[in-house]
Each structure stands twice: as C-alpha cells, then as structure tokens.
Amino acid sequence: MFRRKAFWLAAMNTVFGVVECRVLDLSLRGAKVQVGVPVAVGQAVTLELDPLGEFEGSVAWKRDGAVGIKFREQRAEGDWNRIKLGRLSAAKRRKTGAAAAR
C-alpha cells in the first residue's frame, strides 16, 4: 500500500461545518489528518484537498490530535500520480514563496 507523508493545508467538512485541517499523510484508501475540532469515530467527513479534489469518508480512529479518515471508495491507481505531483507542487509553492519573501 502506498502512503505519502505530507504537510498540506486542507479543509474538512464536518458536522461543525468546514474547518481547516492539515493532512499529515495520504494513501489511496485514507489519510491521517490533524484537526482542531472534536470529531467522533464513525463520523462522516469530506476532505477537500486542492488540487487533488474531494475525498469522502469517515473517521476510523483518533488520537493525539489527529484522526484517521477511511475513504468511502479507494482512489484509482492513476490518482497516485496526482498525489505524488501534488506533493511536488506543494514543495515548489513553499520554495517559491520563500524566495519571494526575501
């Protein structure tokens, strides 16, 4: 199973509305997400991760300020390339932003 470490800002649609969160890792079947609002195991959520799109699922576990999201449907293998490219794009944006701030 492919799992990609990440540090992406994202949005998560919960019963509290849309809240900001941080994706710590991502795979074709789920994600580890840091979120600042309480969520319950089993709660339905939608992870909105630009530019990769929306990931519908439910909270599978929670501990130490993070939750595990199990996606409702496993993403297609072709999406893995988009996930890898998304990580590269995020790194390029950070590098470009840092250079612009100098």
Protein backbone atom coordinates (compact mmCIF):
# COMPACT_ATOMS: atom_id res chain seq x y z
CA MET A 1 0.00 0.00 0.00
CA PHE A 2 1.36 3.38 -0.97
CA ARG A 3 1.35 6.03 1.72
CA ARG A 4 2.78 9.51 1.16
CA LYS A 5 3.88 11.70 4.05
CA ALA A 6 2.51 15.21 3.63
CA PHE A 7 2.08 18.52 5.40
CA TRP A 8 -0.73 20.03 3.33
CA LEU A 9 -3.32 22.55 4.42
CA ALA A 10 -6.80 21.33 3.56
CA ALA A 11 -10.44 21.75 4.55
CA MET A 12 -12.65 19.13 6.13
CA ASN A 13 -16.42 19.25 6.02
CA THR A 14 -17.73 18.01 9.40
CA VAL A 15 -20.89 18.37 11.47
CA PHE A 16 -19.31 21.65 12.64
CA GLY A 17 -19.15 22.93 9.07
CA VAL A 18 -15.98 23.34 7.05
CA VAL A 19 -12.87 23.51 9.24
CA GLU A 20 -9.22 23.99 8.36
CA CYS A 21 -7.00 20.96 8.87
CA ARG A 22 -3.58 19.63 7.95
CA VAL A 23 -3.05 16.37 6.05
CA LEU A 24 -0.10 14.51 7.60
CA ASP A 25 -0.14 11.55 5.25
CA LEU A 26 -2.23 10.29 2.37
CA SER A 27 -2.86 6.99 0.61
CA LEU A 28 -5.37 5.71 -1.93
CA ARG A 29 -7.57 4.43 0.92
CA GLY A 30 -7.26 7.11 3.58
CA ALA A 31 -5.45 9.95 5.28
CA LYS A 32 -4.05 10.98 8.64
CA VAL A 33 -5.33 14.47 9.41
CA GLN A 34 -4.63 16.97 12.19
CA VAL A 35 -7.80 18.88 13.07
CA GLY A 36 -8.60 21.36 15.83
CA VAL A 37 -12.24 20.43 16.45
CA PRO A 38 -13.60 17.30 18.10
CA VAL A 39 -14.74 14.59 15.72
CA ALA A 40 -16.16 11.20 16.60
CA VAL A 41 -15.08 7.81 15.30
CA GLY A 42 -17.59 6.83 12.63
CA GLN A 43 -18.45 10.45 11.76
CA ALA A 44 -18.84 11.13 8.04
CA VAL A 45 -16.44 13.76 6.67
CA THR A 46 -15.30 15.12 3.33
CA LEU A 47 -11.66 16.08 2.96
CA GLU A 48 -11.15 18.89 0.43
CA LEU A 49 -7.58 18.83 -0.78
CA ASP A 50 -6.67 21.28 -3.50
CA PRO A 51 -5.66 20.42 -6.23
CA LEU A 52 -6.48 16.72 -5.71
CA GLY A 53 -10.22 17.16 -5.13
CA GLU A 54 -12.67 15.83 -2.56
CA PHE A 55 -12.26 12.63 -0.57
CA GLU A 56 -15.45 11.39 1.13
CA GLY A 57 -15.08 9.04 4.06
CA SER A 58 -15.46 8.54 7.77
CA VAL A 59 -13.30 8.86 10.86
CA ALA A 60 -11.75 5.44 11.54
CA TRP A 61 -9.68 6.40 14.63
CA LYS A 62 -8.50 9.39 16.65
CA ARG A 63 -5.52 10.01 18.94
CA ASP A 64 -3.01 12.72 19.85
CA GLY A 65 -4.87 15.49 17.98
CA ALA A 66 -5.06 13.53 14.73
CA VAL A 67 -7.75 11.43 13.07
CA GLY A 68 -7.60 8.68 10.51
CA ILE A 69 -10.00 9.12 7.60
CA LYS A 70 -11.01 5.99 5.71
CA PHE A 71 -12.18 6.96 2.23
CA ARG A 72 -15.58 5.67 1.16
CA GLU A 73 -14.09 4.42 -2.11
CA GLN A 74 -10.47 3.55 -2.74
CA ARG A 75 -8.94 6.01 -5.16
CA ALA A 76 -7.85 4.69 -8.55
CA GLU A 77 -4.17 3.83 -9.04
CA GLY A 78 -3.98 6.70 -11.54
CA ASP A 79 -4.75 9.11 -8.70
CA TRP A 80 -1.48 8.09 -7.03
CA ASN A 81 0.41 10.05 -9.70
CA ARG A 82 -1.72 13.10 -8.88
CA ILE A 83 -0.93 12.62 -5.18
CA LYS A 84 2.80 12.49 -5.91
CA LEU A 85 2.56 15.51 -8.20
CA GLY A 86 0.53 17.36 -5.58
CA ARG A 87 3.36 16.86 -3.10
CA LEU A 88 5.88 18.18 -5.60
CA SER A 89 3.67 21.15 -6.39
CA ALA A 90 3.28 21.95 -2.69
CA ALA A 91 7.07 21.82 -2.22
CA LYS A 92 7.56 24.10 -5.22
CA ARG A 93 5.00 26.58 -3.85
CA ARG A 94 6.78 26.66 -0.46
CA LYS A 95 10.17 27.17 -2.15
CA THR A 96 8.80 29.86 -4.49
CA GLY A 97 7.01 31.61 -1.62
CA ALA A 98 10.17 31.62 0.49
CA ALA A 99 12.20 33.07 -2.37
CA ALA A 100 9.60 35.79 -2.98
CA ALA A 101 9.68 36.78 0.71
CA ARG A 102 13.43 37.52 0.57
